């Protein structure tokens, strides 16, 4: 397995884990199953929850792709969210 593949799986697993923690903390319920097609607005996490998620991911991964990206981008699905983190990771 290449380093890139390991990195991709690490980013995805980290996002899933942090999302689950934030979701449970915000709603008191278990996080929904997340697939690449899951629409973020349909997860039940509100804007404050997403702000907390991005802050926690910066702590865990060491970067914030929304700050690093030169263009404003708003991922709509979980797959787009993960891809945005992978594509904007510091090299």
PDB file of N, CA and C in Angstrom:
ATOM      1  N   UNK A   1       0.852  -1.175   0.000  1.00  0.00           N
ATOM      2  CA  UNK A   1       0.000   0.000   0.000  1.00  0.00           C
ATOM      3  C   UNK A   1       0.892   1.231   0.000  1.00  0.00           C
ATOM      4  N   UNK A   2       0.586   2.196  -0.861  1.00  0.00           N
ATOM      5  CA  UNK A   2       1.410   3.393  -0.958  1.00  0.00           C
ATOM      6  C   UNK A   2       1.127   4.343   0.194  1.00  0.00           C
ATOM      7  N   UNK A   3       2.042   5.290   0.412  1.00  0.00           N
ATOM      8  CA  UNK A   3       1.851   6.302   1.450  1.00  0.00           C
ATOM      9  C   UNK A   3       0.602   7.137   1.181  1.00  0.00           C
ATOM     10  N   UNK A   4       0.310   7.412  -0.105  1.00  0.00           N
ATOM     11  CA  UNK A   4      -0.863   8.202  -0.453  1.00  0.00           C
ATOM     12  C   UNK A   4      -2.133   7.480  -0.022  1.00  0.00           C
ATOM     13  N   UNK A   5      -2.198   6.164  -0.273  1.00  0.00           N
ATOM     14  CA  UNK A   5      -3.379   5.385   0.116  1.00  0.00           C
ATOM     15  C   UNK A   5      -3.545   5.398   1.626  1.00  0.00           C
ATOM     16  N   UNK A   6      -2.461   5.238   2.359  1.00  0.00           N
ATOM     17  CA  UNK A   6      -2.521   5.283   3.811  1.00  0.00           C
ATOM     18  C   UNK A   6      -3.014   6.653   4.264  1.00  0.00           C
ATOM     19  N   UNK A   7      -2.497   7.700   3.650  1.00  0.00           N
ATOM     20  CA  UNK A   7      -2.913   9.051   3.998  1.00  0.00           C
ATOM     21  C   UNK A   7      -4.393   9.277   3.743  1.00  0.00           C
ATOM     22  N   UNK A   8      -4.887   8.789   2.607  1.00  0.00           N
ATOM     23  CA  UNK A   8      -6.297   8.942   2.265  1.00  0.00           C
ATOM     24  C   UNK A   8      -7.170   8.244   3.296  1.00  0.00           C
ATOM     25  N   UNK A   9      -6.841   7.039   3.647  1.00  0.00           N
ATOM     26  CA  UNK A   9      -7.632   6.300   4.632  1.00  0.00           C
ATOM     27  C   UNK A   9      -7.526   6.935   6.013  1.00  0.00           C
ATOM     28  N   UNK A  10      -6.366   7.461   6.357  1.00  0.00           N
ATOM     29  CA  UNK A  10      -6.192   8.139   7.642  1.00  0.00           C
ATOM     30  C   UNK A  10      -7.095   9.372   7.719  1.00  0.00           C
ATOM     31  N   UNK A  11      -7.119  10.168   6.660  1.00  0.00           N
ATOM     32  CA  UNK A  11      -7.949  11.374   6.643  1.00  0.00           C
ATOM     33  C   UNK A  11      -9.416  10.990   6.771  1.00  0.00           C
ATOM     34  N   UNK A  12      -9.861  10.027   5.993  1.00  0.00           N
ATOM     35  CA  UNK A  12     -11.264   9.593   6.032  1.00  0.00           C
ATOM     36  C   UNK A  12     -11.631   9.059   7.415  1.00  0.00           C
ATOM     37  N   UNK A  13     -10.793   8.205   7.975  1.00  0.00           N
ATOM     38  CA  UNK A  13     -11.074   7.626   9.295  1.00  0.00           C
ATOM     39  C   UNK A  13     -11.097   8.707  10.373  1.00  0.00           C
ATOM     40  N   UNK A  14     -10.190   9.663  10.286  1.00  0.00           N
ATOM     41  CA  UNK A  14     -10.161  10.757  11.258  1.00  0.00           C
ATOM     42  C   UNK A  14     -11.436  11.583  11.159  1.00  0.00           C
ATOM     43  N   UNK A  15     -11.834  11.919   9.941  1.00  0.00           N
ATOM     44  CA  UNK A  15     -13.054  12.707   9.757  1.00  0.00           C
ATOM     45  C   UNK A  15     -14.264  11.947  10.295  1.00  0.00           C
ATOM     46  N   UNK A  16     -14.368  10.666   9.998  1.00  0.00           N
ATOM     47  CA  UNK A  16     -15.493   9.870  10.502  1.00  0.00           C
ATOM     48  C   UNK A  16     -15.520   9.841  12.025  1.00  0.00           C
ATOM     49  N   UNK A  17     -14.366   9.638  12.640  1.00  0.00           N
ATOM     50  CA  UNK A  17     -14.288   9.575  14.094  1.00  0.00           C
ATOM     51  C   UNK A  17     -14.654  10.890  14.753  1.00  0.00           C
ATOM     52  N   UNK A  18     -14.104  11.976  14.241  1.00  0.00           N
ATOM     53  CA  UNK A  18     -14.384  13.297  14.815  1.00  0.00           C
ATOM     54  C   UNK A  18     -15.835  13.679  14.555  1.00  0.00           C
ATOM     55  N   UNK A  19     -16.351  13.386  13.368  1.00  0.00           N
ATOM     56  CA  UNK A  19     -17.751  13.675  13.074  1.00  0.00           C
ATOM     57  C   UNK A  19     -18.652  12.962  14.085  1.00  0.00           C
ATOM     58  N   UNK A  20     -18.376  11.709  14.338  1.00  0.00           N
ATOM     59  CA  UNK A  20     -19.182  10.933  15.286  1.00  0.00           C
ATOM     60  C   UNK A  20     -19.153  11.556  16.682  1.00  0.00           C
ATOM     61  N   UNK A  21     -17.973  11.956  17.138  1.00  0.00           N
ATOM     62  CA  UNK A  21     -17.840  12.579  18.464  1.00  0.00           C
ATOM     63  C   UNK A  21     -18.605  13.899  18.538  1.00  0.00           C
ATOM     64  N   UNK A  22     -18.441  14.739  17.527  1.00  0.00           N
ATOM     65  CA  UNK A  22     -19.108  16.041  17.514  1.00  0.00           C
ATOM     66  C   UNK A  22     -20.619  15.849  17.420  1.00  0.00           C
ATOM     67  N   UNK A  23     -21.052  14.949  16.555  1.00  0.00           N
ATOM     68  CA  UNK A  23     -22.483  14.707  16.381  1.00  0.00           C
ATOM     69  C   UNK A  23     -23.118  14.249  17.696  1.00  0.00           C
ATOM     70  N   UNK A  24     -22.495  13.290  18.343  1.00  0.00           N
ATOM     71  CA  UNK A  24     -23.018  12.786  19.613  1.00  0.00           C
ATOM     72  C   UNK A  24     -23.027  13.891  20.667  1.00  0.00           C
ATOM     73  N   UNK A  25     -21.971  14.696  20.709  1.00  0.00           N
ATOM     74  CA  UNK A  25     -21.902  15.797  21.660  1.00  0.00           C
ATOM     75  C   UNK A  25     -22.965  16.854  21.415  1.00  0.00           C
ATOM     76  N   UNK A  26     -23.299  17.091  20.155  1.00  0.00           N
ATOM     77  CA  UNK A  26     -24.275  18.120  19.803  1.00  0.00           C
ATOM     78  C   UNK A  26     -25.721  17.632  19.913  1.00  0.00           C
ATOM     79  N   UNK A  27     -25.958  16.368  19.577  1.00  0.00           N
ATOM     80  CA  UNK A  27     -27.332  15.874  19.496  1.00  0.00           C
ATOM     81  C   UNK A  27     -27.706  14.892  20.601  1.00  0.00           C
ATOM     82  N   UNK A  28     -26.692  14.284  21.225  1.00  0.00           N
ATOM     83  CA  UNK A  28     -26.964  13.259  22.224  1.00  0.00           C
ATOM     84  C   UNK A  28     -27.332  11.911  21.622  1.00  0.00           C
ATOM     85  N   UNK A  29     -27.282  11.806  20.304  1.00  0.00           N
ATOM     86  CA  UNK A  29     -27.620  10.568  19.606  1.00  0.00           C
ATOM     87  C   UNK A  29     -26.389  10.031  18.878  1.00  0.00           C
ATOM     88  N   UNK A  30     -26.479   8.793  18.450  1.00  0.00           N
ATOM     89  CA  UNK A  30     -25.403   8.207  17.650  1.00  0.00           C
ATOM     90  C   UNK A  30     -25.397   8.835  16.267  1.00  0.00           C
ATOM     91  N   UNK A  31     -24.211   8.999  15.720  1.00  0.00           N
ATOM     92  CA  UNK A  31     -24.072   9.591  14.391  1.00  0.00           C
ATOM     93  C   UNK A  31     -24.688   8.671  13.340  1.00  0.00           C
ATOM     94  N   UNK A  32     -25.250   9.262  12.290  1.00  0.00           N
ATOM     95  CA  UNK A  32     -25.794   8.444  11.200  1.00  0.00           C
ATOM     96  C   UNK A  32     -24.659   7.790  10.422  1.00  0.00           C
ATOM     97  N   UNK A  33     -24.993   6.740   9.698  1.00  0.00           N
ATOM     98  CA  UNK A  33     -24.001   6.107   8.829  1.00  0.00           C
ATOM     99  C   UNK A  33     -23.650   7.088   7.719  1.00  0.00           C
ATOM    100  N   UNK A  34     -22.371   7.249   7.483  1.00  0.00           N
ATOM    101  CA  UNK A  34     -21.908   8.207   6.476  1.00  0.00           C
ATOM    102  C   UNK A  34     -21.360   7.451   5.259  1.00  0.00           C
ATOM    103  N   UNK A  35     -21.871   7.807   4.094  1.00  0.00           N
ATOM    104  CA  UNK A  35     -21.333   7.303   2.836  1.00  0.00           C
ATOM    105  C   UNK A  35     -20.891   8.519   2.031  1.00  0.00           C
ATOM    106  N   UNK A  36     -20.209   8.291   0.939  1.00  0.00           N
ATOM    107  CA  UNK A  36     -19.776   9.403   0.100  1.00  0.00           C
ATOM    108  C   UNK A  36     -20.961  10.219  -0.410  1.00  0.00           C
ATOM    109  N   UNK A  37     -22.114   9.600  -0.557  1.00  0.00           N
ATOM    110  CA  UNK A  37     -23.298  10.283  -1.090  1.00  0.00           C
ATOM    111  C   UNK A  37     -24.130  10.987  -0.023  1.00  0.00           C
ATOM    112  N   UNK A  38     -23.785  10.825   1.252  1.00  0.00           N
ATOM    113  CA  UNK A  38     -24.552  11.463   2.326  1.00  0.00           C
ATOM    114  C   UNK A  38     -24.485  12.980   2.180  1.00  0.00           C
ATOM    115  N   UNK A  39     -25.646  13.619   2.113  1.00  0.00           N
ATOM    116  CA  UNK A  39     -25.720  15.078   2.013  1.00  0.00           C
ATOM    117  C   UNK A  39     -25.482  15.647   3.412  1.00  0.00           C
ATOM    118  N   UNK A  40     -24.500  16.524   3.536  1.00  0.00           N
ATOM    119  CA  UNK A  40     -24.115  17.049   4.845  1.00  0.00           C
ATOM    120  C   UNK A  40     -25.269  17.750   5.551  1.00  0.00           C
ATOM    121  N   UNK A  41     -26.069  18.498   4.807  1.00  0.00           N
ATOM    122  CA  UNK A  41     -27.189  19.213   5.426  1.00  0.00           C
ATOM    123  C   UNK A  41     -28.271  18.264   5.945  1.00  0.00           C
ATOM    124  N   UNK A  42     -28.256  17.021   5.481  1.00  0.00           N
ATOM    125  CA  UNK A  42     -29.247  16.038   5.925  1.00  0.00           C
ATOM    126  C   UNK A  42     -28.779  15.206   7.120  1.00  0.00           C
ATOM    127  N   UNK A  43     -27.594  15.486   7.636  1.00  0.00           N
ATOM    128  CA  UNK A  43     -27.067  14.684   8.747  1.00  0.00           C
ATOM    129  C   UNK A  43     -27.663  15.067  10.089  1.00  0.00           C
ATOM    130  N   UNK A  44     -28.221  16.262  10.195  1.00  0.00           N
ATOM    131  CA  UNK A  44     -28.766  16.724  11.466  1.00  0.00           C
ATOM    132  C   UNK A  44     -27.788  17.572  12.255  1.00  0.00           C
ATOM    133  N   UNK A  45     -26.575  17.740  11.741  1.00  0.00           N
ATOM    134  CA  UNK A  45     -25.587  18.596  12.406  1.00  0.00           C
ATOM    135  C   UNK A  45     -25.822  20.030  11.930  1.00  0.00           C
ATOM    136  N   UNK A  46     -25.931  20.964  12.872  1.00  0.00           N
ATOM    137  CA  UNK A  46     -26.199  22.356  12.504  1.00  0.00           C
ATOM    138  C   UNK A  46     -24.894  23.101  12.212  1.00  0.00           C
ATOM    139  N   UNK A  47     -25.005  24.399  11.906  1.00  0.00           N
ATOM    140  CA  UNK A  47     -23.828  25.179  11.518  1.00  0.00           C
ATOM    141  C   UNK A  47     -22.803  25.267  12.648  1.00  0.00           C
ATOM    142  N   UNK A  48     -23.263  25.368  13.885  1.00  0.00           N
ATOM    143  CA  UNK A  48     -22.332  25.359  15.013  1.00  0.00           C
ATOM    144  C   UNK A  48     -21.607  24.024  15.090  1.00  0.00           C
ATOM    145  N   UNK A  49     -22.326  22.953  14.877  1.00  0.00           N
ATOM    146  CA  UNK A  49     -21.717  21.625  14.878  1.00  0.00           C
ATOM    147  C   UNK A  49     -20.649  21.491  13.811  1.00  0.00           C
ATOM    148  N   UNK A  50     -20.919  22.023  12.620  1.00  0.00           N
ATOM    149  CA  UNK A  50     -19.914  21.961  11.560  1.00  0.00           C
ATOM    150  C   UNK A  50     -18.706  22.830  11.878  1.00  0.00           C
ATOM    151  N   UNK A  51     -18.920  23.971  12.527  1.00  0.00           N
ATOM    152  CA  UNK A  51     -17.794  24.820  12.938  1.00  0.00           C
ATOM    153  C   UNK A  51     -16.926  24.078  13.958  1.00  0.00           C
ATOM    154  N   UNK A  52     -17.566  23.394  14.885  1.00  0.00           N
ATOM    155  CA  UNK A  52     -16.830  22.601  15.874  1.00  0.00           C
ATOM    156  C   UNK A  52     -16.091  21.466  15.177  1.00  0.00           C
ATOM    157  N   UNK A  53     -16.747  20.816  14.222  1.00  0.00           N
ATOM    158  CA  UNK A  53     -16.121  19.723  13.466  1.00  0.00           C
ATOM    159  C   UNK A  53     -14.850  20.201  12.775  1.00  0.00           C
ATOM    160  N   UNK A  54     -14.922  21.325  12.068  1.00  0.00           N
ATOM    161  CA  UNK A  54     -13.757  21.838  11.339  1.00  0.00           C
ATOM    162  C   UNK A  54     -12.635  22.216  12.311  1.00  0.00           C
ATOM    163  N   UNK A  55     -12.996  22.804  13.445  1.00  0.00           N
ATOM    164  CA  UNK A  55     -11.987  23.164  14.460  1.00  0.00           C
ATOM    165  C   UNK A  55     -11.319  21.922  15.027  1.00  0.00           C
ATOM    166  N   UNK A  56     -12.109  20.913  15.350  1.00  0.00           N
ATOM    167  CA  UNK A  56     -11.552  19.662  15.886  1.00  0.00           C
ATOM    168  C   UNK A  56     -10.692  18.941  14.849  1.00  0.00           C
ATOM    169  N   UNK A  57     -11.123  18.986  13.592  1.00  0.00           N
ATOM    170  CA  UNK A  57     -10.320  18.354  12.539  1.00  0.00           C
ATOM    171  C   UNK A  57      -8.990  19.069  12.364  1.00  0.00           C
ATOM    172  N   UNK A  58      -8.984  20.380  12.512  1.00  0.00           N
ATOM    173  CA  UNK A  58      -7.715  21.111  12.439  1.00  0.00           C
ATOM    174  C   UNK A  58      -6.782  20.651  13.558  1.00  0.00           C
ATOM    175  N   UNK A  59      -7.316  20.441  14.745  1.00  0.00           N
ATOM    176  CA  UNK A  59      -6.513  19.946  15.869  1.00  0.00           C
ATOM    177  C   UNK A  59      -5.979  18.545  15.582  1.00  0.00           C
ATOM    178  N   UNK A  60      -6.821  17.683  15.028  1.00  0.00           N
ATOM    179  CA  UNK A  60      -6.437  16.287  14.771  1.00  0.00           C
ATOM    180  C   UNK A  60      -5.499  16.133  13.574  1.00  0.00           C
ATOM    181  N   UNK A  61      -5.802  16.837  12.486  1.00  0.00           N
ATOM    182  CA  UNK A  61      -5.042  16.672  11.243  1.00  0.00           C
ATOM    183  C   UNK A  61      -3.912  17.686  11.086  1.00  0.00           C
ATOM    184  N   UNK A  62      -4.007  18.797  11.810  1.00  0.00           N
ATOM    185  CA  UNK A  62      -2.955  19.796  11.754  1.00  0.00           C
ATOM    186  C   UNK A  62      -3.121  20.850  10.670  1.00  0.00           C
ATOM    187  N   UNK A  63      -4.284  20.883  10.031  1.00  0.00           N
ATOM    188  CA  UNK A  63      -4.522  21.905   9.013  1.00  0.00           C
ATOM    189  C   UNK A  63      -6.014  22.130   8.837  1.00  0.00           C
ATOM    190  N   UNK A  64      -6.353  23.300   8.291  1.00  0.00           N
ATOM    191  CA  UNK A  64      -7.727  23.656   7.977  1.00  0.00           C
ATOM    192  C   UNK A  64      -7.787  23.963   6.485  1.00  0.00           C
ATOM    193  N   UNK A  65      -8.340  23.068   5.673  1.00  0.00           N
ATOM    194  CA  UNK A  65      -8.344  23.297   4.226  1.00  0.00           C
ATOM    195  C   UNK A  65      -9.160  24.511   3.814  1.00  0.00           C
ATOM    196  N   UNK A  66     -10.118  24.917   4.644  1.00  0.00           N
ATOM    197  CA  UNK A  66     -10.927  26.083   4.311  1.00  0.00           C
ATOM    198  C   UNK A  66     -10.088  27.355   4.401  1.00  0.00           C
ATOM    199  N   UNK A  67      -9.084  27.374   5.271  1.00  0.00           N
ATOM    200  CA  UNK A  67      -8.168  28.503   5.375  1.00  0.00           C
ATOM    201  C   UNK A  67      -7.074  28.438   4.309  1.00  0.00           C
ATOM    202  N   UNK A  68      -6.677  27.233   3.953  1.00  0.00           N
ATOM    203  CA  UNK A  68      -5.583  27.054   2.992  1.00  0.00           C
ATOM    204  C   UNK A  68      -6.023  27.246   1.544  1.00  0.00           C
ATOM    205  N   UNK A  69      -7.267  26.932   1.251  1.00  0.00           N
ATOM    206  CA  UNK A  69      -7.767  27.016  -0.115  1.00  0.00           C
ATOM    207  C   UNK A  69      -7.883  28.475  -0.553  1.00  0.00           C
ATOM    208  N   UNK A  70      -7.523  28.738  -1.792  1.00  0.00           N
ATOM    209  CA  UNK A  70      -7.603  30.100  -2.307  1.00  0.00           C
ATOM    210  C   UNK A  70      -9.018  30.460  -2.756  1.00  0.00           C
ATOM    211  N   UNK A  71      -9.891  29.461  -2.863  1.00  0.00           N
ATOM    212  CA  UNK A  71     -11.270  29.693  -3.285  1.00  0.00           C
ATOM    213  C   UNK A  71     -12.240  29.222  -2.204  1.00  0.00           C
ATOM    214  N   UNK A  72     -13.343  29.945  -2.065  1.00  0.00           N
ATOM    215  CA  UNK A  72     -14.390  29.509  -1.141  1.00  0.00           C
ATOM    216  C   UNK A  72     -15.043  28.252  -1.718  1.00  0.00           C
ATOM    217  N   UNK A  73     -15.221  27.254  -0.881  1.00  0.00           N
ATOM    218  CA  UNK A  73     -15.804  25.992  -1.329  1.00  0.00           C
ATOM    219  C   UNK A  73     -16.675  25.450  -0.215  1.00  0.00           C
ATOM    220  N   UNK A  74     -17.850  24.974  -0.592  1.00  0.00           N
ATOM    221  CA  UNK A  74     -18.785  24.428   0.374  1.00  0.00           C
ATOM    222  C   UNK A  74     -19.198  23.034  -0.072  1.00  0.00           C
ATOM    223  N   UNK A  75     -18.513  22.005   0.444  1.00  0.00           N
ATOM    224  CA  UNK A  75     -18.863  20.642   0.040  1.00  0.00           C
ATOM    225  C   UNK A  75     -20.307  20.317   0.429  1.00  0.00           C
ATOM    226  N   UNK A  76     -20.977  19.604  -0.451  1.00  0.00           N
ATOM    227  CA  UNK A  76     -22.366  19.257  -0.194  1.00  0.00           C
ATOM    228  C   UNK A  76     -22.535  17.844   0.325  1.00  0.00           C
ATOM    229  N   UNK A  77     -21.646  16.944  -0.068  1.00  0.00           N
ATOM    230  CA  UNK A  77     -21.745  15.556   0.384  1.00  0.00           C
ATOM    231  C   UNK A  77     -20.534  15.192   1.244  1.00  0.00           C
ATOM    232  N   UNK A  78     -20.666  14.106   1.967  1.00  0.00           N
ATOM    233  CA  UNK A  78     -19.558  13.647   2.792  1.00  0.00           C
ATOM    234  C   UNK A  78     -18.342  13.321   1.924  1.00  0.00           C
ATOM    235  N   UNK A  79     -18.566  12.712   0.771  1.00  0.00           N
ATOM    236  CA  UNK A  79     -17.461  12.394  -0.135  1.00  0.00           C
ATOM    237  C   UNK A  79     -16.720  13.643  -0.592  1.00  0.00           C
ATOM    238  N   UNK A  80     -17.456  14.711  -0.894  1.00  0.00           N
ATOM    239  CA  UNK A  80     -16.832  15.973  -1.290  1.00  0.00           C
ATOM    240  C   UNK A  80     -16.056  16.576  -0.121  1.00  0.00           C
ATOM    241  N   UNK A  81     -16.596  16.453   1.085  1.00  0.00           N
ATOM    242  CA  UNK A  81     -15.938  16.963   2.290  1.00  0.00           C
ATOM    243  C   UNK A  81     -14.594  16.269   2.501  1.00  0.00           C
ATOM    244  N   UNK A  82     -14.587  14.939   2.407  1.00  0.00           N
ATOM    245  CA  UNK A  82     -13.346  14.165   2.573  1.00  0.00           C
ATOM    246  C   UNK A  82     -12.356  14.516   1.462  1.00  0.00           C
ATOM    247  N   UNK A  83     -12.838  14.588   0.233  1.00  0.00           N
ATOM    248  CA  UNK A  83     -11.955  14.916  -0.897  1.00  0.00           C
ATOM    249  C   UNK A  83     -11.338  16.299  -0.732  1.00  0.00           C
ATOM    250  N   UNK A  84     -12.108  17.256  -0.227  1.00  0.00           N
ATOM    251  CA  UNK A  84     -11.600  18.607  -0.005  1.00  0.00           C
ATOM    252  C   UNK A  84     -10.466  18.583   1.015  1.00  0.00           C
ATOM    253  N   UNK A  85     -10.619  17.805   2.064  1.00  0.00           N
ATOM    254  CA  UNK A  85      -9.546  17.678   3.053  1.00  0.00           C
ATOM    255  C   UNK A  85      -8.309  17.029   2.439  1.00  0.00           C
ATOM    256  N   UNK A  86      -8.493  15.988   1.640  1.00  0.00           N
ATOM    257  CA  UNK A  86      -7.347  15.313   1.008  1.00  0.00           C
ATOM    258  C   UNK A  86      -6.652  16.236   0.020  1.00  0.00           C
ATOM    259  N   UNK A  87      -7.435  16.907  -0.832  1.00  0.00           N
ATOM    260  CA  UNK A  87      -6.863  17.732  -1.891  1.00  0.00           C
ATOM    261  C   UNK A  87      -6.144  18.974  -1.361  1.00  0.00           C
ATOM    262  N   UNK A  88      -6.499  19.432  -0.197  1.00  0.00           N
ATOM    263  CA  UNK A  88      -5.899  20.655   0.361  1.00  0.00           C
ATOM    264  C   UNK A  88      -4.955  20.387   1.522  1.00  0.00           C
ATOM    265  N   UNK A  89      -4.565  19.142   1.681  1.00  0.00           N
ATOM    266  CA  UNK A  89      -3.605  18.794   2.726  1.00  0.00           C
ATOM    267  C   UNK A  89      -2.253  19.426   2.398  1.00  0.00           C
ATOM    268  N   UNK A  90      -1.571  19.934   3.396  1.00  0.00           N
ATOM    269  CA  UNK A  90      -0.230  20.475   3.142  1.00  0.00           C
ATOM    270  C   UNK A  90       0.688  19.379   2.606  1.00  0.00           C
ATOM    271  N   UNK A  91       1.506  19.755   1.703  1.00  0.00           N
ATOM    272  CA  UNK A  91       2.425  18.765   1.090  1.00  0.00           C
ATOM    273  C   UNK A  91       3.773  18.846   1.728  1.00  0.00           C
TER     274      UNK A  91
END
